[in-house]
Amino acid sequence: MRDIDAMTARRKFASRSQAVAETLHRALVDDRTELGEEVMVGSITLFYGQLSTGVEQRLGDLQRAHIDEVIASFHVHLTENRTLETVLVQGPAHKLQAIADEMIAVRGVISGRLHVVAAIIPQLHPFIRDGVQRG
């Protein structure tokens, strides 16, 4: 109980119950991610330098290659040669991890991480439902 109370205080949870719920949620997401086939939503966060030429182009090419899973991306130039990019993705957990691994392996990427949650976002394209294009 002391460890839970310490974590609750350190992470500024409103209550011990909230801390336990967050921890349980993370464990469930990890379990679903390990299964690999469940569709989940997540973000790939990348930190890269501009000193390696073509890093933005290679990351953009990967996003286009995985257009079914990549929903959007946003990048911020932190300094003249450092960029932080977040890529919103949705799909089977194993596929999202493979995409993240490809992006993190691009020359010039300093660090990266995939974060998934046990949820999906609403369908973005109303003209395609059940694999059938309408309209």
Protein backbone atom coordinates (compact mmCIF):
# COMPACT_ATOMS: atom_id res chain seq x y z
CA MET A 1 0.00 0.00 0.00
CA ARG A 2 2.89 2.35 0.69
CA ASP A 3 4.16 1.91 -2.88
CA ILE A 4 0.70 2.64 -4.29
CA ASP A 5 0.35 5.71 -2.09
CA ALA A 6 3.81 6.92 -3.11
CA MET A 7 2.98 6.47 -6.82
CA THR A 8 -0.38 8.21 -6.30
CA ALA A 9 1.36 11.22 -4.78
CA ARG A 10 4.31 11.25 -7.20
CA ARG A 11 2.13 11.10 -10.30
CA LYS A 12 -0.47 13.43 -8.75
CA PHE A 13 -3.45 11.11 -9.10
CA ALA A 14 -6.59 12.33 -7.34
CA SER A 15 -6.95 9.03 -5.48
CA ARG A 16 -5.47 5.60 -4.96
CA SER A 17 -8.36 4.19 -7.04
CA GLN A 18 -7.40 6.38 -9.98
CA ALA A 19 -3.78 5.20 -9.74
CA VAL A 20 -4.85 1.55 -9.66
CA ALA A 21 -7.26 2.06 -12.59
CA GLU A 22 -4.54 3.69 -14.70
CA THR A 23 -2.10 0.89 -13.90
CA LEU A 24 -4.68 -1.76 -14.73
CA HIS A 25 -5.56 -0.01 -18.00
CA ARG A 26 -1.88 -0.01 -19.02
CA ALA A 27 -1.62 -3.72 -18.25
CA LEU A 28 -4.71 -4.48 -20.36
CA VAL A 29 -3.37 -2.41 -23.27
CA ASP A 30 -0.03 -4.22 -23.03
CA ASP A 31 -1.86 -7.56 -23.08
CA ARG A 32 -3.91 -6.58 -26.15
CA THR A 33 -0.80 -5.27 -27.87
CA GLU A 34 0.94 -8.61 -27.35
CA LEU A 35 -1.96 -10.42 -29.01
CA GLY A 36 -1.30 -8.35 -32.08
CA GLU A 37 -4.54 -8.59 -34.08
CA GLU A 38 -6.82 -6.22 -32.21
CA VAL A 39 -7.30 -2.85 -33.91
CA MET A 40 -6.00 -0.08 -31.71
CA VAL A 41 -5.20 3.60 -32.01
CA GLY A 42 -1.86 5.06 -31.11
CA SER A 43 0.83 7.59 -31.73
CA ILE A 44 4.38 7.20 -32.89
CA THR A 45 6.56 9.93 -31.40
CA LEU A 46 9.84 10.57 -33.21
CA PHE A 47 12.71 12.87 -32.34
CA TYR A 48 15.14 13.44 -35.18
CA GLY A 49 17.90 15.68 -36.38
CA GLN A 50 18.13 17.56 -39.65
CA LEU A 51 21.85 16.90 -39.97
CA SER A 52 21.05 13.59 -41.67
CA THR A 53 19.76 14.69 -45.06
CA GLY A 54 16.49 13.25 -46.27
CA VAL A 55 15.13 12.08 -42.91
CA GLU A 56 11.83 13.98 -43.36
CA GLN A 57 11.48 12.61 -46.89
CA ARG A 58 12.08 9.02 -45.76
CA LEU A 59 9.58 9.38 -42.91
CA GLY A 60 7.03 10.87 -45.32
CA ASP A 61 7.59 7.99 -47.74
CA LEU A 62 6.94 5.49 -44.93
CA GLN A 63 3.75 7.31 -43.97
CA ARG A 64 2.52 7.12 -47.57
CA ALA A 65 3.51 3.45 -47.78
CA HIS A 66 1.29 2.77 -44.74
CA ILE A 67 -1.57 5.09 -45.73
CA ASP A 68 -4.20 2.63 -44.43
CA GLU A 69 -2.82 2.93 -40.89
CA VAL A 70 -1.46 6.49 -40.82
CA ILE A 71 -4.23 8.95 -39.98
CA ALA A 72 -2.26 12.19 -39.56
CA SER A 73 1.10 13.59 -38.57
CA PHE A 74 2.32 16.74 -36.91
CA HIS A 75 5.85 17.98 -36.53
CA VAL A 76 7.45 20.83 -34.67
CA HIS A 77 10.90 22.24 -35.35
CA LEU A 78 12.45 22.52 -31.90
CA THR A 79 15.70 24.07 -33.10
CA GLU A 80 17.23 24.66 -36.50
CA ASN A 81 18.30 21.01 -36.64
CA ARG A 82 15.98 19.09 -34.25
CA THR A 83 12.38 18.07 -34.90
CA LEU A 84 9.69 16.34 -32.86
CA GLU A 85 7.06 14.49 -34.91
CA THR A 86 3.92 12.68 -33.83
CA VAL A 87 2.16 10.28 -36.19
CA LEU A 88 -1.42 9.20 -35.37
CA VAL A 89 -1.98 5.58 -36.39
CA GLN A 90 -4.75 2.98 -36.23
CA GLY A 91 -4.69 -0.70 -37.05
CA PRO A 92 -3.70 -4.10 -35.68
CA ALA A 93 -1.21 -3.66 -32.86
CA HIS A 94 1.46 -5.82 -34.49
CA LYS A 95 1.24 -3.74 -37.69
CA LEU A 96 1.53 -0.47 -35.75
CA GLN A 97 4.62 -1.79 -33.98
CA ALA A 98 6.15 -2.78 -37.32
CA ILE A 99 5.48 0.71 -38.73
CA ALA A 100 6.99 2.33 -35.63
CA ASP A 101 10.04 0.07 -35.88
CA GLU A 102 10.54 1.10 -39.52
CA MET A 103 10.29 4.79 -38.67
CA ILE A 104 12.56 4.58 -35.64
CA ALA A 105 15.18 2.78 -37.75
CA VAL A 106 15.39 5.64 -40.29
CA ARG A 107 18.85 7.16 -40.32
CA GLY A 108 18.70 10.46 -38.46
CA VAL A 109 15.97 9.44 -36.00
CA ILE A 110 17.45 9.89 -32.55
CA SER A 111 14.65 8.22 -30.62
CA GLY A 112 11.09 7.08 -31.07
CA ARG A 113 8.29 5.23 -29.36
CA LEU A 114 4.87 3.79 -30.11
CA HIS A 115 2.13 4.40 -27.59
CA VAL A 116 -1.18 2.55 -28.11
CA VAL A 117 -4.51 2.67 -26.33
CA ALA A 118 -7.31 0.13 -26.32
CA ALA A 119 -9.62 2.21 -28.47
CA ILE A 120 -10.29 3.05 -32.08
CA ILE A 121 -11.21 6.35 -33.65
CA PRO A 122 -14.41 6.79 -35.66
CA GLN A 123 -14.27 6.02 -39.36
CA LEU A 124 -12.82 9.04 -41.13
CA HIS A 125 -14.06 8.35 -44.64
CA PRO A 126 -17.89 8.19 -44.70
CA PHE A 127 -17.97 7.04 -48.34
CA ILE A 128 -16.28 3.74 -47.54
CA ARG A 129 -18.14 1.38 -45.23
CA ASP A 130 -17.65 -2.36 -44.85
CA GLY A 131 -15.01 -2.27 -47.58
CA VAL A 132 -17.52 -0.91 -50.13
CA GLN A 133 -17.12 2.55 -51.65
CA ARG A 134 -20.40 4.47 -51.66
CA GLY A 135 -21.52 7.71 -53.24
